[in-house]
Amino acid sequence: MNTESKSYKRELIDHLLAADNAGSLEQRLGDLLTPSEFSEISKRLQIFKLLEAGVPQRQIAEQLGVGIATVTRGSRALKEHSS
């Protein structure tokens, strides 16, 4: 990741952390994301939760209406962060 990208990422994180309550954070996310993007990010969180609960990847894909590749990516991310 280049310096400019890191700067943008840090700015985004700082913007979100400036929210002082859940409603304010939801508003900030709503201002930044389309409804579809908000939904996709929410589904990614559900993927993590279901993987951690031991639900099979194919079942997660079917349940959430996402591709198996999306679930596999989530699984890889969890493994990387748990090592």
C-alpha atoms as a PDB file:
ATOM      1  CA  MET A   1       0.000   0.000   0.000  1.00  0.00           C
ATOM      2  CA  ASN A   2       1.478   3.340  -0.984  1.00  0.00           C
ATOM      3  CA  THR A   3       1.798   6.353   1.305  1.00  0.00           C
ATOM      4  CA  GLU A   4      -1.206   8.134  -0.217  1.00  0.00           C
ATOM      5  CA  SER A   5      -3.438   5.080   0.245  1.00  0.00           C
ATOM      6  CA  LYS A   6      -2.299   4.731   3.854  1.00  0.00           C
ATOM      7  CA  SER A   7      -3.123   8.381   4.420  1.00  0.00           C
ATOM      8  CA  TYR A   8      -6.629   7.948   2.983  1.00  0.00           C
ATOM      9  CA  LYS A   9      -7.174   4.819   5.056  1.00  0.00           C
ATOM     10  CA  ARG A  10      -6.053   6.618   8.241  1.00  0.00           C
ATOM     11  CA  GLU A  11      -8.336   9.548   7.403  1.00  0.00           C
ATOM     12  CA  LEU A  12     -11.289   7.182   6.980  1.00  0.00           C
ATOM     13  CA  ILE A  13     -10.573   5.468  10.282  1.00  0.00           C
ATOM     14  CA  ASP A  14     -10.242   8.811  12.069  1.00  0.00           C
ATOM     15  CA  HIS A  15     -13.515  10.009  10.502  1.00  0.00           C
ATOM     16  CA  LEU A  16     -15.359   6.925  11.733  1.00  0.00           C
ATOM     17  CA  LEU A  17     -13.765   7.024  15.191  1.00  0.00           C
ATOM     18  CA  ALA A  18     -14.967  10.608  15.611  1.00  0.00           C
ATOM     19  CA  ALA A  19     -18.530   9.285  15.918  1.00  0.00           C
ATOM     20  CA  ASP A  20     -19.601   9.550  19.541  1.00  0.00           C
ATOM     21  CA  ASN A  21     -22.442   7.018  19.421  1.00  0.00           C
ATOM     22  CA  ALA A  22     -23.929   4.264  17.272  1.00  0.00           C
ATOM     23  CA  GLY A  23     -26.364   6.625  15.546  1.00  0.00           C
ATOM     24  CA  SER A  24     -23.590   9.015  14.597  1.00  0.00           C
ATOM     25  CA  LEU A  25     -21.466   6.146  13.266  1.00  0.00           C
ATOM     26  CA  GLU A  26     -24.397   4.841  11.229  1.00  0.00           C
ATOM     27  CA  GLN A  27     -24.912   8.327   9.788  1.00  0.00           C
ATOM     28  CA  ARG A  28     -21.235   8.637   8.879  1.00  0.00           C
ATOM     29  CA  LEU A  29     -21.255   5.234   7.173  1.00  0.00           C
ATOM     30  CA  GLY A  30     -24.500   6.097   5.399  1.00  0.00           C
ATOM     31  CA  ASP A  31     -22.940   9.300   4.093  1.00  0.00           C
ATOM     32  CA  LEU A  32     -19.941   7.395   2.734  1.00  0.00           C
ATOM     33  CA  LEU A  33     -21.546   4.224   1.391  1.00  0.00           C
ATOM     34  CA  THR A  34     -24.373   3.445  -0.978  1.00  0.00           C
ATOM     35  CA  PRO A  35     -27.130   1.247   0.473  1.00  0.00           C
ATOM     36  CA  SER A  36     -25.694  -1.655  -1.536  1.00  0.00           C
ATOM     37  CA  GLU A  37     -22.168  -1.113  -0.160  1.00  0.00           C
ATOM     38  CA  PHE A  38     -23.532  -0.878   3.386  1.00  0.00           C
ATOM     39  CA  SER A  39     -25.390  -4.163   2.844  1.00  0.00           C
ATOM     40  CA  GLU A  40     -22.298  -5.901   1.437  1.00  0.00           C
ATOM     41  CA  ILE A  41     -20.139  -4.832   4.377  1.00  0.00           C
ATOM     42  CA  SER A  42     -22.830  -6.016   6.779  1.00  0.00           C
ATOM     43  CA  LYS A  43     -22.894  -9.398   5.027  1.00  0.00           C
ATOM     44  CA  ARG A  44     -19.106  -9.693   5.360  1.00  0.00           C
ATOM     45  CA  LEU A  45     -19.456  -9.266   9.115  1.00  0.00           C
ATOM     46  CA  GLN A  46     -22.120 -12.002   9.131  1.00  0.00           C
ATOM     47  CA  ILE A  47     -19.735 -14.243   7.188  1.00  0.00           C
ATOM     48  CA  PHE A  48     -17.136 -13.842   9.958  1.00  0.00           C
ATOM     49  CA  LYS A  49     -19.702 -14.592  12.659  1.00  0.00           C
ATOM     50  CA  LEU A  50     -21.041 -17.682  10.880  1.00  0.00           C
ATOM     51  CA  LEU A  51     -17.543 -19.002  10.137  1.00  0.00           C
ATOM     52  CA  GLU A  52     -16.596 -18.558  13.796  1.00  0.00           C
ATOM     53  CA  ALA A  53     -19.748 -20.483  14.732  1.00  0.00           C
ATOM     54  CA  GLY A  54     -18.611 -23.385  12.542  1.00  0.00           C
ATOM     55  CA  VAL A  55     -21.222 -23.052   9.801  1.00  0.00           C
ATOM     56  CA  PRO A  56     -20.002 -24.664   6.536  1.00  0.00           C
ATOM     57  CA  GLN A  57     -18.883 -22.233   3.846  1.00  0.00           C
ATOM     58  CA  ARG A  58     -21.399 -23.395   1.225  1.00  0.00           C
ATOM     59  CA  GLN A  59     -24.244 -23.016   3.706  1.00  0.00           C
ATOM     60  CA  ILE A  60     -23.092 -19.474   4.530  1.00  0.00           C
ATOM     61  CA  ALA A  61     -22.962 -18.582   0.823  1.00  0.00           C
ATOM     62  CA  GLU A  62     -26.500 -19.865   0.309  1.00  0.00           C
ATOM     63  CA  GLN A  63     -27.873 -18.286   3.480  1.00  0.00           C
ATOM     64  CA  LEU A  64     -26.452 -14.834   2.733  1.00  0.00           C
ATOM     65  CA  GLY A  65     -26.792 -14.932  -1.048  1.00  0.00           C
ATOM     66  CA  VAL A  66     -23.084 -14.396  -1.668  1.00  0.00           C
ATOM     67  CA  GLY A  67     -20.567 -16.289  -3.752  1.00  0.00           C
ATOM     68  CA  ILE A  68     -18.468 -19.057  -2.268  1.00  0.00           C
ATOM     69  CA  ALA A  69     -15.357 -17.007  -3.161  1.00  0.00           C
ATOM     70  CA  THR A  70     -16.569 -14.215  -0.854  1.00  0.00           C
ATOM     71  CA  VAL A  71     -16.967 -16.678   2.007  1.00  0.00           C
ATOM     72  CA  THR A  72     -13.580 -18.242   1.289  1.00  0.00           C
ATOM     73  CA  ARG A  73     -11.982 -14.788   1.370  1.00  0.00           C
ATOM     74  CA  GLY A  74     -13.561 -14.212   4.778  1.00  0.00           C
ATOM     75  CA  SER A  75     -12.271 -17.559   5.980  1.00  0.00           C
ATOM     76  CA  ARG A  76      -8.733 -16.711   4.859  1.00  0.00           C
ATOM     77  CA  ALA A  77      -8.909 -13.328   6.599  1.00  0.00           C
ATOM     78  CA  LEU A  78     -10.002 -14.952   9.855  1.00  0.00           C
ATOM     79  CA  LYS A  79      -7.174 -17.479   9.668  1.00  0.00           C
ATOM     80  CA  GLU A  80      -4.602 -14.748   8.976  1.00  0.00           C
ATOM     81  CA  HIS A  81      -5.756 -12.677  11.942  1.00  0.00           C
ATOM     82  CA  SER A  82      -5.935 -15.594  14.341  1.00  0.00           C
ATOM     83  CA  SER A  83      -2.337 -16.690  13.714  1.00  0.00           C
END
